[in-house]
Amino acid sequence: MAIVDAEYHITWVSCGYPGNSHDSYIFQSTDIYDILNSGNNPSIAHIESDTSIPPLLLGDGAFHYIPGW
């Protein structure tokens, strides 16, 4: 499981789970899930002309709603 930016650069990755593990289980076992669920934004925003553009995370139905996002 990985997060990439608009230029396809990997900004976060999680590995080490068996191939039969459900995406939601893997995601809920990560540090980034805890950060997002606590209401904090990870420091992966893009800065353009002194404007911070927050991340946009896309996922399938395995990823449930995260408060504040």
PDB file of N, CA and C in Angstrom:
ATOM      1  N   MET A   1       0.856  -1.155   0.000  1.00  0.00           N
ATOM      2  CA  MET A   1       0.000   0.000   0.000  1.00  0.00           C
ATOM      3  C   MET A   1       0.902   1.217   0.000  1.00  0.00           C
ATOM      4  N   ALA A   2       0.547   2.209  -0.824  1.00  0.00           N
ATOM      5  CA  ALA A   2       1.413   3.377  -0.943  1.00  0.00           C
ATOM      6  C   ALA A   2       0.598   4.635  -1.200  1.00  0.00           C
ATOM      7  N   ILE A   3       1.183   5.770  -0.880  1.00  0.00           N
ATOM      8  CA  ILE A   3       0.644   7.080  -1.234  1.00  0.00           C
ATOM      9  C   ILE A   3       1.674   7.721  -2.145  1.00  0.00           C
ATOM     10  N   VAL A   4       1.214   8.216  -3.286  1.00  0.00           N
ATOM     11  CA  VAL A   4       2.092   8.900  -4.225  1.00  0.00           C
ATOM     12  C   VAL A   4       1.586  10.315  -4.444  1.00  0.00           C
ATOM     13  N   ASP A   5       2.491  11.206  -4.863  1.00  0.00           N
ATOM     14  CA  ASP A   5       2.080  12.577  -5.147  1.00  0.00           C
ATOM     15  C   ASP A   5       1.670  12.710  -6.607  1.00  0.00           C
ATOM     16  N   ALA A   6       1.370  13.923  -7.032  1.00  0.00           N
ATOM     17  CA  ALA A   6       0.883  14.172  -8.389  1.00  0.00           C
ATOM     18  C   ALA A   6       1.921  13.837  -9.458  1.00  0.00           C
ATOM     19  N   GLU A   7       3.173  13.723  -9.052  1.00  0.00           N
ATOM     20  CA  GLU A   7       4.238  13.377  -9.994  1.00  0.00           C
ATOM     21  C   GLU A   7       4.662  11.920  -9.842  1.00  0.00           C
ATOM     22  N   TYR A   8       3.836  11.129  -9.169  1.00  0.00           N
ATOM     23  CA  TYR A   8       4.055   9.689  -8.950  1.00  0.00           C
ATOM     24  C   TYR A   8       5.276   9.382  -8.086  1.00  0.00           C
ATOM     25  N   HIS A   9       5.664  10.325  -7.240  1.00  0.00           N
ATOM     26  CA  HIS A   9       6.731  10.075  -6.280  1.00  0.00           C
ATOM     27  C   HIS A   9       6.097   9.469  -5.032  1.00  0.00           C
ATOM     28  N   ILE A  10       6.667   8.405  -4.543  1.00  0.00           N
ATOM     29  CA  ILE A  10       6.139   7.756  -3.344  1.00  0.00           C
ATOM     30  C   ILE A  10       6.412   8.639  -2.139  1.00  0.00           C
ATOM     31  N   THR A  11       5.346   8.972  -1.387  1.00  0.00           N
ATOM     32  CA  THR A  11       5.498   9.806  -0.196  1.00  0.00           C
ATOM     33  C   THR A  11       5.292   9.008   1.084  1.00  0.00           C
ATOM     34  N   TRP A  12       4.680   7.829   0.969  1.00  0.00           N
ATOM     35  CA  TRP A  12       4.439   6.965   2.123  1.00  0.00           C
ATOM     36  C   TRP A  12       4.201   5.555   1.615  1.00  0.00           C
ATOM     37  N   VAL A  13       4.657   4.563   2.379  1.00  0.00           N
ATOM     38  CA  VAL A  13       4.454   3.167   1.982  1.00  0.00           C
ATOM     39  C   VAL A  13       4.338   2.292   3.221  1.00  0.00           C
ATOM     40  N   SER A  14       3.557   1.239   3.093  1.00  0.00           N
ATOM     41  CA  SER A  14       3.438   0.227   4.136  1.00  0.00           C
ATOM     42  C   SER A  14       3.547  -1.134   3.467  1.00  0.00           C
ATOM     43  N   CYS A  15       4.372  -1.996   4.017  1.00  0.00           N
ATOM     44  CA  CYS A  15       4.512  -3.341   3.439  1.00  0.00           C
ATOM     45  C   CYS A  15       4.720  -4.335   4.571  1.00  0.00           C
ATOM     46  N   GLY A  16       4.650  -5.602   4.217  1.00  0.00           N
ATOM     47  CA  GLY A  16       4.908  -6.638   5.208  1.00  0.00           C
ATOM     48  C   GLY A  16       3.688  -7.445   5.593  1.00  0.00           C
ATOM     49  N   TYR A  17       2.545  -7.164   4.993  1.00  0.00           N
ATOM     50  CA  TYR A  17       1.336  -7.927   5.283  1.00  0.00           C
ATOM     51  C   TYR A  17       1.157  -9.020   4.234  1.00  0.00           C
ATOM     52  N   PRO A  18       0.568 -10.158   4.622  1.00  0.00           N
ATOM     53  CA  PRO A  18       0.310 -11.217   3.644  1.00  0.00           C
ATOM     54  C   PRO A  18      -0.635 -10.741   2.547  1.00  0.00           C
ATOM     55  N   GLY A  19      -0.540 -11.338   1.383  1.00  0.00           N
ATOM     56  CA  GLY A  19      -1.364 -10.938   0.249  1.00  0.00           C
ATOM     57  C   GLY A  19      -2.849 -11.114   0.460  1.00  0.00           C
ATOM     58  N   ASN A  20      -3.251 -11.959   1.413  1.00  0.00           N
ATOM     59  CA  ASN A  20      -4.680 -12.152   1.652  1.00  0.00           C
ATOM     60  C   ASN A  20      -5.238 -11.205   2.706  1.00  0.00           C
ATOM     61  N   SER A  21      -4.423 -10.248   3.183  1.00  0.00           N
ATOM     62  CA  SER A  21      -4.899  -9.275   4.172  1.00  0.00           C
ATOM     63  C   SER A  21      -5.795  -8.245   3.496  1.00  0.00           C
ATOM     64  N   HIS A  22      -6.883  -7.889   4.164  1.00  0.00           N
ATOM     65  CA  HIS A  22      -7.826  -6.917   3.630  1.00  0.00           C
ATOM     66  C   HIS A  22      -7.231  -5.516   3.706  1.00  0.00           C
ATOM     67  N   ASP A  23      -7.464  -4.715   2.657  1.00  0.00           N
ATOM     68  CA  ASP A  23      -6.925  -3.351   2.593  1.00  0.00           C
ATOM     69  C   ASP A  23      -7.276  -2.533   3.826  1.00  0.00           C
ATOM     70  N   SER A  24      -8.514  -2.645   4.295  1.00  0.00           N
ATOM     71  CA  SER A  24      -8.922  -1.829   5.440  1.00  0.00           C
ATOM     72  C   SER A  24      -8.161  -2.228   6.698  1.00  0.00           C
ATOM     73  N   TYR A  25      -7.891  -3.519   6.875  1.00  0.00           N
ATOM     74  CA  TYR A  25      -7.120  -3.975   8.031  1.00  0.00           C
ATOM     75  C   TYR A  25      -5.693  -3.409   7.975  1.00  0.00           C
ATOM     76  N   ILE A  26      -5.083  -3.485   6.813  1.00  0.00           N
ATOM     77  CA  ILE A  26      -3.720  -2.970   6.657  1.00  0.00           C
ATOM     78  C   ILE A  26      -3.698  -1.470   6.949  1.00  0.00           C
ATOM     79  N   PHE A  27      -4.632  -0.729   6.334  1.00  0.00           N
ATOM     80  CA  PHE A  27      -4.665   0.720   6.506  1.00  0.00           C
ATOM     81  C   PHE A  27      -4.888   1.110   7.964  1.00  0.00           C
ATOM     82  N   GLN A  28      -5.805   0.422   8.635  1.00  0.00           N
ATOM     83  CA  GLN A  28      -6.094   0.750  10.034  1.00  0.00           C
ATOM     84  C   GLN A  28      -4.970   0.347  10.977  1.00  0.00           C
ATOM     85  N   SER A  29      -3.988  -0.376  10.495  1.00  0.00           N
ATOM     86  CA  SER A  29      -2.838  -0.781  11.304  1.00  0.00           C
ATOM     87  C   SER A  29      -1.627   0.125  11.084  1.00  0.00           C
ATOM     88  N   THR A  30      -1.803   1.229  10.370  1.00  0.00           N
ATOM     89  CA  THR A  30      -0.670   2.096  10.028  1.00  0.00           C
ATOM     90  C   THR A  30      -0.629   3.363  10.871  1.00  0.00           C
ATOM     91  N   ASP A  31       0.539   3.961  10.916  1.00  0.00           N
ATOM     92  CA  ASP A  31       0.708   5.235  11.623  1.00  0.00           C
ATOM     93  C   ASP A  31      -0.072   6.356  10.934  1.00  0.00           C
ATOM     94  N   ILE A  32      -0.117   6.329   9.602  1.00  0.00           N
ATOM     95  CA  ILE A  32      -0.807   7.411   8.903  1.00  0.00           C
ATOM     96  C   ILE A  32      -2.308   7.370   9.189  1.00  0.00           C
ATOM     97  N   TYR A  33      -2.878   6.192   9.378  1.00  0.00           N
ATOM     98  CA  TYR A  33      -4.286   6.083   9.763  1.00  0.00           C
ATOM     99  C   TYR A  33      -4.509   6.762  11.118  1.00  0.00           C
ATOM    100  N   ASP A  34      -3.625   6.482  12.077  1.00  0.00           N
ATOM    101  CA  ASP A  34      -3.744   7.101  13.398  1.00  0.00           C
ATOM    102  C   ASP A  34      -3.637   8.618  13.312  1.00  0.00           C
ATOM    103  N   ILE A  35      -2.729   9.108  12.474  1.00  0.00           N
ATOM    104  CA  ILE A  35      -2.559  10.557  12.303  1.00  0.00           C
ATOM    105  C   ILE A  35      -3.831  11.169  11.717  1.00  0.00           C
ATOM    106  N   LEU A  36      -4.356  10.557  10.653  1.00  0.00           N
ATOM    107  CA  LEU A  36      -5.558  11.084  10.012  1.00  0.00           C
ATOM    108  C   LEU A  36      -6.767  10.982  10.926  1.00  0.00           C
ATOM    109  N   ASN A  37      -6.902   9.883  11.640  1.00  0.00           N
ATOM    110  CA  ASN A  37      -8.049   9.663  12.517  1.00  0.00           C
ATOM    111  C   ASN A  37      -8.040  10.602  13.719  1.00  0.00           C
ATOM    112  N   SER A  38      -6.857  11.102  14.101  1.00  0.00           N
ATOM    113  CA  SER A  38      -6.770  12.039  15.224  1.00  0.00           C
ATOM    114  C   SER A  38      -7.094  13.469  14.802  1.00  0.00           C
ATOM    115  N   GLY A  39      -7.320  13.678  13.491  1.00  0.00           N
ATOM    116  CA  GLY A  39      -7.655  15.012  13.006  1.00  0.00           C
ATOM    117  C   GLY A  39      -6.456  15.812  12.561  1.00  0.00           C
ATOM    118  N   ASN A  40      -5.267  15.248  12.652  1.00  0.00           N
ATOM    119  CA  ASN A  40      -4.059  15.941  12.210  1.00  0.00           C
ATOM    120  C   ASN A  40      -3.807  15.659  10.742  1.00  0.00           C
ATOM    121  N   ASN A  41      -3.368  16.664  10.027  1.00  0.00           N
ATOM    122  CA  ASN A  41      -3.013  16.479   8.625  1.00  0.00           C
ATOM    123  C   ASN A  41      -1.548  16.087   8.531  1.00  0.00           C
ATOM    124  N   PRO A  42      -1.228  15.062   7.745  1.00  0.00           N
ATOM    125  CA  PRO A  42       0.184  14.723   7.567  1.00  0.00           C
ATOM    126  C   PRO A  42       0.899  15.832   6.804  1.00  0.00           C
ATOM    127  N   SER A  43       2.185  15.935   6.985  1.00  0.00           N
ATOM    128  CA  SER A  43       2.951  17.005   6.344  1.00  0.00           C
ATOM    129  C   SER A  43       3.343  16.601   4.923  1.00  0.00           C
ATOM    130  N   ILE A  44       2.333  16.314   4.085  1.00  0.00           N
ATOM    131  CA  ILE A  44       2.596  15.945   2.695  1.00  0.00           C
ATOM    132  C   ILE A  44       1.898  16.914   1.740  1.00  0.00           C
ATOM    133  N   ALA A  45       1.566  18.099   2.245  1.00  0.00           N
ATOM    134  CA  ALA A  45       0.935  19.111   1.394  1.00  0.00           C
ATOM    135  C   ALA A  45       1.936  19.644   0.371  1.00  0.00           C
ATOM    136  N   HIS A  46       1.422  20.100  -0.746  1.00  0.00           N
ATOM    137  CA  HIS A  46       2.250  20.700  -1.796  1.00  0.00           C
ATOM    138  C   HIS A  46       2.191  22.218  -1.630  1.00  0.00           C
ATOM    139  N   ILE A  47       3.332  22.877  -1.702  1.00  0.00           N
ATOM    140  CA  ILE A  47       3.395  24.335  -1.587  1.00  0.00           C
ATOM    141  C   ILE A  47       3.551  24.915  -2.980  1.00  0.00           C
ATOM    142  N   GLU A  48       2.642  25.800  -3.354  1.00  0.00           N
ATOM    143  CA  GLU A  48       2.661  26.446  -4.667  1.00  0.00           C
ATOM    144  C   GLU A  48       2.419  27.934  -4.459  1.00  0.00           C
ATOM    145  N   SER A  49       3.392  28.771  -4.763  1.00  0.00           N
ATOM    146  CA  SER A  49       3.279  30.231  -4.605  1.00  0.00           C
ATOM    147  C   SER A  49       2.793  30.600  -3.206  1.00  0.00           C
ATOM    148  N   ASP A  50       3.451  30.063  -2.194  1.00  0.00           N
ATOM    149  CA  ASP A  50       3.125  30.321  -0.781  1.00  0.00           C
ATOM    150  C   ASP A  50       1.744  29.831  -0.371  1.00  0.00           C
ATOM    151  N   THR A  51       1.121  28.969  -1.171  1.00  0.00           N
ATOM    152  CA  THR A  51      -0.177  28.390  -0.835  1.00  0.00           C
ATOM    153  C   THR A  51       0.010  26.899  -0.595  1.00  0.00           C
ATOM    154  N   SER A  52      -0.493  26.428   0.531  1.00  0.00           N
ATOM    155  CA  SER A  52      -0.406  25.006   0.865  1.00  0.00           C
ATOM    156  C   SER A  52      -1.615  24.280   0.281  1.00  0.00           C
ATOM    157  N   ILE A  53      -1.356  23.298  -0.568  1.00  0.00           N
ATOM    158  CA  ILE A  53      -2.417  22.504  -1.178  1.00  0.00           C
ATOM    159  C   ILE A  53      -2.463  21.168  -0.443  1.00  0.00           C
ATOM    160  N   PRO A  54      -3.546  20.907   0.303  1.00  0.00           N
ATOM    161  CA  PRO A  54      -3.607  19.689   1.114  1.00  0.00           C
ATOM    162  C   PRO A  54      -3.693  18.437   0.241  1.00  0.00           C
ATOM    163  N   PRO A  55      -3.343  17.290   0.804  1.00  0.00           N
ATOM    164  CA  PRO A  55      -3.384  16.053   0.035  1.00  0.00           C
ATOM    165  C   PRO A  55      -4.817  15.621  -0.265  1.00  0.00           C
ATOM    166  N   LEU A  56      -4.956  14.867  -1.326  1.00  0.00           N
ATOM    167  CA  LEU A  56      -6.223  14.236  -1.686  1.00  0.00           C
ATOM    168  C   LEU A  56      -5.951  12.747  -1.739  1.00  0.00           C
ATOM    169  N   LEU A  57      -6.592  11.999  -0.853  1.00  0.00           N
ATOM    170  CA  LEU A  57      -6.386  10.562  -0.812  1.00  0.00           C
ATOM    171  C   LEU A  57      -7.583   9.867  -1.442  1.00  0.00           C
ATOM    172  N   LEU A  58      -7.319   8.989  -2.400  1.00  0.00           N
ATOM    173  CA  LEU A  58      -8.361   8.226  -3.068  1.00  0.00           C
ATOM    174  C   LEU A  58      -8.209   6.760  -2.709  1.00  0.00           C
ATOM    175  N   GLY A  59      -9.322   6.109  -2.467  1.00  0.00           N
ATOM    176  CA  GLY A  59      -9.291   4.685  -2.165  1.00  0.00           C
ATOM    177  C   GLY A  59     -10.618   4.057  -2.532  1.00  0.00           C
ATOM    178  N   ASP A  60     -10.652   2.749  -2.518  1.00  0.00           N
ATOM    179  CA  ASP A  60     -11.898   2.060  -2.837  1.00  0.00           C
ATOM    180  C   ASP A  60     -12.749   1.897  -1.575  1.00  0.00           C
ATOM    181  N   GLY A  61     -13.775   1.075  -1.656  1.00  0.00           N
ATOM    182  CA  GLY A  61     -14.716   0.913  -0.555  1.00  0.00           C
ATOM    183  C   GLY A  61     -14.122   0.345   0.714  1.00  0.00           C
ATOM    184  N   ALA A  62     -12.907  -0.189   0.650  1.00  0.00           N
ATOM    185  CA  ALA A  62     -12.260  -0.740   1.843  1.00  0.00           C
ATOM    186  C   ALA A  62     -11.845   0.352   2.817  1.00  0.00           C
ATOM    187  N   PHE A  63     -11.741   1.568   2.336  1.00  0.00           N
ATOM    188  CA  PHE A  63     -11.306   2.677   3.174  1.00  0.00           C
ATOM    189  C   PHE A  63     -12.525   3.461   3.634  1.00  0.00           C
ATOM    190  N   HIS A  64     -12.738   3.482   4.929  1.00  0.00           N
ATOM    191  CA  HIS A  64     -13.918   4.166   5.466  1.00  0.00           C
ATOM    192  C   HIS A  64     -13.636   5.635   5.701  1.00  0.00           C
ATOM    193  N   TYR A  65     -14.688   6.366   5.992  1.00  0.00           N
ATOM    194  CA  TYR A  65     -14.597   7.809   6.233  1.00  0.00           C
ATOM    195  C   TYR A  65     -13.683   8.106   7.415  1.00  0.00           C
ATOM    196  N   ILE A  66     -12.820   9.089   7.253  1.00  0.00           N
ATOM    197  CA  ILE A  66     -11.931   9.537   8.317  1.00  0.00           C
ATOM    198  C   ILE A  66     -12.398  10.927   8.741  1.00  0.00           C
ATOM    199  N   PRO A  67     -12.740  11.139  10.026  1.00  0.00           N
ATOM    200  CA  PRO A  67     -13.230  12.446  10.483  1.00  0.00           C
ATOM    201  C   PRO A  67     -12.277  13.567  10.115  1.00  0.00           C
ATOM    202  N   GLY A  68     -12.817  14.677   9.644  1.00  0.00           N
ATOM    203  CA  GLY A  68     -12.024  15.832   9.307  1.00  0.00           C
ATOM    204  C   GLY A  68     -11.490  15.834   7.888  1.00  0.00           C
ATOM    205  N   TRP A  69     -11.772  14.774   7.137  1.00  0.00           N
ATOM    206  CA  TRP A  69     -11.281  14.685   5.753  1.00  0.00           C
ATOM    207  C   TRP A  69     -12.426  14.641   4.814  1.00  0.00           C
TER     208      TRP A  69
END
